[in-house]
Amino acid sequence: MSTPAVPLRAARVAVRGLLIGVLTAVFLAPFYLMLRNALMDSRGLTAPEWTWWPSTPHFENFTALFEDPSVAMGPALGNSLLVAAVTAPLSTLLASAAGYALARIPVRGRGVVLGLVVATLMIPGSATFVPTFVVVGSMGGVNTLWGIVAPGLFNPFAVLLFRNFYLQFPTEIEDAGRLDGLGRFGLYRRIALPGSGAMLASLGALSFIDSWNSFLWPLVIGQDPSSWTAQIALSTFLTSQTINLPGLFAGAVVTITPLVVMFLVAQRYIVEGIASSGLKG
């Protein structure tokens, strides 16, 4: 009776391996196409014949990317890195503090505040875009990096995730902290915050990726080229007047590299953070 089970088990393993291989190929296909196109010239990109890989890779496309006087790609990458590096930790810490307050501090009106936080998730971004621009512009935030950063510091979805996480946080640990004389802020800073490392890492990584990929708000608020981010600089390679496909794909490879590294490093923490937030399926 056990003999037929061996071929059946082998067939399942083969099908599973085939499925994983197909899904891996589908996932890696955009990266392959991006790198292939970045190493081709304009004639090869627009040729009717398909080539799997350029016979003569044009690595000079990457050097030309940073030598182009019309597009300051280097400063734009620096702006994107600065914006993402500031937005990710600040927005995550603010969401953590707000989530802890909603979960642990028994004050009157806490439910109303929670309802308002949830309500902000139901408001489309297009409805708040113009008012946000008016407020930031009236404060002198146009053509400044802080004007790009400020609207992204409040993340209501992260607040809800942290609230759910802290609701499940062991109260016994906090009770021991109270016996040591810790107040609300001390309990948060010394016990709750260090205990939420997976959530901090996962939401910080997601915030970094979101800030790095942001396009519309930096485009509107950063009108001067000195405040352009990498995504805005990339858009200048494809306009109604000029089309620079090799530069566009080379820039895409350069700008996506930090995100790939970030995801590879933080993917385990992203899964752990979402699983511990109370929103797992």
Protein backbone atom coordinates (compact mmCIF):
# COMPACT_ATOMS: atom_id res chain seq x y z
CA MET A 1 0.00 0.00 0.00
CA SER A 2 2.92 2.36 0.58
CA THR A 3 4.51 1.85 -2.87
CA PRO A 4 2.04 4.02 -4.87
CA ALA A 5 2.48 6.80 -2.34
CA VAL A 6 6.13 7.30 -3.34
CA PRO A 7 5.44 8.27 -7.00
CA LEU A 8 2.52 10.39 -5.85
CA ARG A 9 4.72 12.25 -3.37
CA ALA A 10 7.41 12.70 -6.04
CA ALA A 11 4.83 14.06 -8.47
CA ARG A 12 3.63 16.58 -5.89
CA VAL A 13 7.19 17.72 -5.26
CA ALA A 14 7.78 18.07 -9.02
CA VAL A 15 4.58 20.06 -9.54
CA ARG A 16 5.40 22.27 -6.57
CA GLY A 17 8.92 22.87 -7.88
CA LEU A 18 7.57 23.68 -11.34
CA LEU A 19 5.04 26.10 -9.90
CA ILE A 20 7.71 27.83 -7.81
CA GLY A 21 9.95 28.07 -10.88
CA VAL A 22 7.19 29.63 -12.99
CA LEU A 23 6.26 32.14 -10.30
CA THR A 24 9.93 33.02 -9.80
CA ALA A 25 10.35 33.62 -13.53
CA VAL A 26 7.25 35.82 -13.60
CA PHE A 27 8.52 37.80 -10.61
CA LEU A 28 12.02 38.28 -12.07
CA ALA A 29 10.86 39.07 -15.63
CA PRO A 30 10.43 42.85 -15.04
CA PHE A 31 13.91 43.09 -13.51
CA TYR A 32 15.40 41.21 -16.46
CA LEU A 33 13.63 43.46 -18.97
CA MET A 34 14.71 46.57 -17.10
CA LEU A 35 18.38 45.54 -17.01
CA ARG A 36 18.31 44.34 -20.62
CA ASN A 37 16.86 47.61 -21.86
CA ALA A 38 19.30 49.63 -19.74
CA LEU A 39 22.23 47.98 -21.55
CA MET A 40 20.89 48.62 -25.07
CA ASP A 41 21.07 51.66 -27.30
CA SER A 42 18.10 53.51 -28.76
CA ARG A 43 18.32 51.65 -32.08
CA GLY A 44 18.25 48.26 -30.37
CA LEU A 45 15.32 49.23 -28.15
CA THR A 46 13.19 50.33 -31.10
CA ALA A 47 14.23 47.52 -33.46
CA PRO A 48 11.39 45.21 -34.58
CA GLU A 49 13.49 42.09 -33.88
CA TRP A 50 13.55 40.77 -30.33
CA THR A 51 16.92 40.13 -28.72
CA TRP A 52 17.25 38.39 -25.38
CA TRP A 53 20.45 40.19 -24.50
CA PRO A 54 22.43 42.94 -26.28
CA SER A 55 25.44 41.63 -28.19
CA THR A 56 27.41 44.66 -26.99
CA PRO A 57 26.18 45.83 -23.57
CA HIS A 58 26.27 49.63 -23.30
CA PHE A 59 27.43 50.15 -19.72
CA GLU A 60 28.13 53.75 -20.64
CA ASN A 61 24.39 54.37 -20.30
CA PHE A 62 24.90 54.40 -16.53
CA THR A 63 27.78 56.89 -16.67
CA ALA A 64 25.84 59.07 -19.09
CA LEU A 65 22.97 59.03 -16.62
CA PHE A 66 25.00 61.02 -14.10
CA GLU A 67 26.82 63.16 -16.70
CA ASP A 68 23.66 64.48 -18.34
CA PRO A 69 23.66 68.25 -17.65
CA SER A 70 19.90 68.52 -18.16
CA VAL A 71 19.04 66.00 -15.41
CA ALA A 72 20.74 66.19 -12.02
CA MET A 73 20.31 62.50 -11.22
CA GLY A 74 22.94 62.47 -8.48
CA PRO A 75 21.36 65.27 -6.39
CA ALA A 76 17.90 63.82 -7.09
CA LEU A 77 18.96 60.45 -5.67
CA GLY A 78 20.36 62.27 -2.64
CA ASN A 79 17.07 64.10 -2.15
CA SER A 80 15.12 60.85 -2.36
CA LEU A 81 17.44 59.19 0.12
CA LEU A 82 17.16 62.10 2.54
CA VAL A 83 13.36 62.28 2.26
CA ALA A 84 12.92 58.52 2.75
CA ALA A 85 15.52 58.33 5.55
CA VAL A 86 13.73 61.10 7.48
CA THR A 87 10.14 60.10 6.74
CA ALA A 88 10.49 56.40 7.57
CA PRO A 89 11.76 56.62 11.18
CA LEU A 90 9.76 59.73 12.14
CA SER A 91 6.44 58.47 10.78
CA THR A 92 7.01 55.05 12.35
CA LEU A 93 7.85 56.50 15.78
CA LEU A 94 4.85 58.86 15.67
CA ALA A 95 2.55 55.98 14.69
CA SER A 96 4.02 53.85 17.49
CA ALA A 97 3.43 56.53 20.12
CA ALA A 98 -0.11 57.20 18.87
CA GLY A 99 -0.92 53.49 18.74
CA TYR A 100 0.37 52.96 22.28
CA ALA A 101 -1.69 55.89 23.57
CA LEU A 102 -4.85 54.54 21.93
CA ALA A 103 -4.22 51.05 23.29
CA ARG A 104 -3.01 51.74 26.81
CA ILE A 105 -3.98 55.20 28.08
CA PRO A 106 -7.59 55.17 29.37
CA VAL A 107 -8.69 58.74 28.66
CA ARG A 108 -12.15 60.04 27.85
CA GLY A 109 -12.74 60.35 24.12
CA ARG A 110 -10.23 57.69 23.13
CA GLY A 111 -12.86 55.94 21.04
CA VAL A 112 -13.66 59.17 19.22
CA VAL A 113 -10.00 59.71 18.38
CA LEU A 114 -9.76 56.14 17.13
CA GLY A 115 -12.83 56.71 14.97
CA LEU A 116 -11.25 59.84 13.48
CA VAL A 117 -8.08 57.91 12.69
CA VAL A 118 -10.13 55.24 10.92
CA ALA A 119 -12.12 57.94 9.10
CA THR A 120 -8.93 59.38 7.60
CA LEU A 121 -8.41 56.06 5.82
CA MET A 122 -11.74 56.53 4.04
CA ILE A 123 -10.91 59.97 2.65
CA PRO A 124 -9.39 59.75 -0.85
CA GLY A 125 -6.04 61.42 -1.29
CA SER A 126 -7.39 63.56 -4.13
CA ALA A 127 -9.77 65.28 -1.67
CA THR A 128 -6.94 66.36 0.65
CA PHE A 129 -4.27 67.06 -1.95
CA VAL A 130 -5.13 70.68 -2.66
CA PRO A 131 -5.78 71.67 0.98
CA THR A 132 -2.48 70.05 1.95
CA PHE A 133 -0.67 72.00 -0.74
CA VAL A 134 -2.27 75.25 0.42
CA VAL A 135 -1.25 74.63 4.03
CA VAL A 136 2.31 73.57 3.21
CA GLY A 137 2.68 76.37 0.68
CA SER A 138 1.48 79.01 3.14
CA MET A 139 4.17 77.80 5.55
CA GLY A 140 6.89 78.23 2.93
CA GLY A 141 7.26 74.57 2.09
CA VAL A 142 7.32 74.91 -1.72
CA ASN A 143 10.69 73.89 -3.22
CA THR A 144 11.90 72.56 0.12
CA LEU A 145 12.58 69.01 1.25
CA TRP A 146 10.68 69.48 4.50
CA GLY A 147 7.64 70.36 2.42
CA ILE A 148 7.93 66.94 0.77
CA VAL A 149 8.44 65.17 4.10
CA ALA A 150 5.81 66.82 6.31
CA PRO A 151 2.55 65.38 4.85
CA GLY A 152 3.90 61.83 5.03
CA LEU A 153 4.70 61.89 8.74
CA PHE A 154 1.19 60.83 9.79
CA ASN A 155 0.25 57.31 8.75
CA PRO A 156 -3.17 56.28 10.11
CA PHE A 157 -2.81 52.71 8.88
CA ALA A 158 0.43 52.33 10.86
CA VAL A 159 -1.33 53.78 13.91
CA LEU A 160 -3.99 51.07 13.73
CA LEU A 161 -1.37 48.37 13.30
CA PHE A 162 0.55 49.57 16.35
CA ARG A 163 -2.66 49.86 18.37
CA ASN A 164 -3.57 46.26 17.60
CA PHE A 165 -0.04 45.18 18.46
CA TYR A 166 0.00 46.97 21.82
CA LEU A 167 -3.43 45.57 22.70
CA GLN A 168 -1.81 42.13 22.56
CA PHE A 169 1.31 43.24 24.42
CA PRO A 170 1.62 41.46 27.81
CA THR A 171 0.35 43.70 30.59
CA GLU A 172 2.39 41.77 33.16
CA ILE A 173 5.58 43.30 31.79
CA GLU A 174 4.17 46.79 32.18
CA ASP A 175 2.97 46.00 35.70
CA ALA A 176 6.53 45.04 36.61
CA GLY A 177 7.68 48.36 35.17
CA ARG A 178 5.19 50.26 37.30
CA LEU A 179 6.58 48.56 40.38
CA ASP A 180 9.96 49.98 39.40
CA GLY A 181 8.46 53.48 39.32
CA LEU A 182 8.01 53.94 35.57
CA GLY A 183 5.31 56.30 34.34
CA ARG A 184 3.42 56.19 31.06
CA PHE A 185 6.28 57.58 29.00
CA GLY A 186 8.81 55.38 30.76
CA LEU A 187 6.73 52.27 30.13
CA TYR A 188 6.48 53.18 26.47
CA ARG A 189 10.14 54.13 26.02
CA ARG A 190 11.74 51.32 28.02
CA ILE A 191 9.31 48.42 27.59
CA ALA A 192 6.72 48.83 24.82
CA LEU A 193 8.94 50.47 22.19
CA PRO A 194 11.83 47.99 22.47
CA GLY A 195 9.32 45.14 22.47
CA SER A 196 7.87 46.21 19.13
CA GLY A 197 11.06 45.78 17.12
CA ALA A 198 9.47 43.67 14.37
CA MET A 199 6.66 46.18 13.88
CA LEU A 200 9.09 49.09 13.81
CA ALA A 201 11.29 47.38 11.25
CA SER A 202 8.44 46.24 9.01
CA LEU A 203 6.51 49.51 8.96
CA GLY A 204 9.72 51.52 8.73
CA ALA A 205 10.72 49.54 5.64
CA LEU A 206 7.29 49.98 4.06
CA SER A 207 7.38 53.70 4.83
CA PHE A 208 10.83 53.97 3.26
CA ILE A 209 9.63 52.24 0.09
CA ASP A 210 6.50 54.41 -0.09
CA SER A 211 8.48 57.62 0.39
CA TRP A 212 11.07 56.60 -2.19
CA ASN A 213 8.40 55.81 -4.80
CA SER A 214 6.31 58.93 -4.16
CA PHE A 215 5.82 60.93 -7.34
CA LEU A 216 2.81 63.25 -7.44
CA TRP A 217 3.39 65.18 -4.20
CA PRO A 218 7.13 65.76 -4.78
CA LEU A 219 6.31 66.80 -8.35
CA VAL A 220 3.88 69.48 -7.20
CA ILE A 221 5.71 70.76 -4.13
CA GLY A 222 9.24 70.51 -5.55
CA GLN A 223 8.94 72.79 -8.56
CA ASP A 224 12.63 73.76 -8.68
CA PRO A 225 15.10 71.17 -10.06
CA SER A 226 17.19 71.52 -6.89
CA SER A 227 14.37 69.86 -4.90
CA TRP A 228 13.58 67.11 -7.39
CA THR A 229 13.55 63.52 -6.19
CA ALA A 230 14.75 60.55 -8.22
CA GLN A 231 11.26 59.76 -9.54
CA ILE A 232 10.84 63.31 -10.86
CA ALA A 233 14.26 63.20 -12.51
CA LEU A 234 13.32 59.92 -14.19
CA SER A 235 10.18 61.45 -15.68
CA THR A 236 12.27 63.99 -17.61
CA PHE A 237 13.67 61.21 -19.83
CA LEU A 238 10.24 60.66 -21.37
CA THR A 239 8.42 63.85 -22.35
CA SER A 240 6.49 65.13 -25.36
CA GLN A 241 9.68 66.79 -26.64
CA THR A 242 12.38 64.22 -25.90
CA ILE A 243 12.52 60.44 -25.52
CA ASN A 244 15.64 58.90 -23.98
CA LEU A 245 14.78 55.24 -23.46
CA PRO A 246 18.30 54.00 -22.54
CA GLY A 247 18.61 56.75 -19.94
CA LEU A 248 15.14 56.02 -18.62
CA PHE A 249 15.83 52.31 -18.12
CA ALA A 250 19.30 52.94 -16.71
CA GLY A 251 17.80 55.39 -14.24
CA ALA A 252 15.10 52.87 -13.34
CA VAL A 253 17.75 50.24 -12.55
CA VAL A 254 19.66 52.70 -10.38
CA THR A 255 16.61 53.95 -8.49
CA ILE A 256 15.11 50.51 -7.88
CA THR A 257 18.33 49.04 -6.46
CA PRO A 258 17.92 50.56 -2.95
CA LEU A 259 14.35 49.25 -2.78
CA VAL A 260 15.41 45.73 -3.75
CA VAL A 261 18.12 45.78 -1.09
CA MET A 262 15.67 47.17 1.46
CA PHE A 263 13.11 44.46 0.71
CA LEU A 264 15.65 41.64 0.81
CA VAL A 265 16.91 42.82 4.18
CA ALA A 266 13.52 43.57 5.73
CA GLN A 267 11.20 40.96 4.19
CA ARG A 268 11.32 38.73 7.28
CA TYR A 269 10.49 41.66 9.55
CA ILE A 270 7.65 42.76 7.27
CA VAL A 271 5.99 39.35 7.56
CA GLU A 272 6.58 39.17 11.32
CA GLY A 273 5.29 42.70 11.86
CA ILE A 274 2.05 42.16 9.94
CA ALA A 275 1.51 38.78 11.66
CA SER A 276 1.95 40.31 15.13
CA SER A 277 -0.31 43.29 14.40
CA GLY A 278 -3.53 41.32 14.80
CA LEU A 279 -4.52 41.75 11.14
CA LYS A 280 -3.34 38.32 9.98
CA GLY A 281 -5.87 36.36 8.01
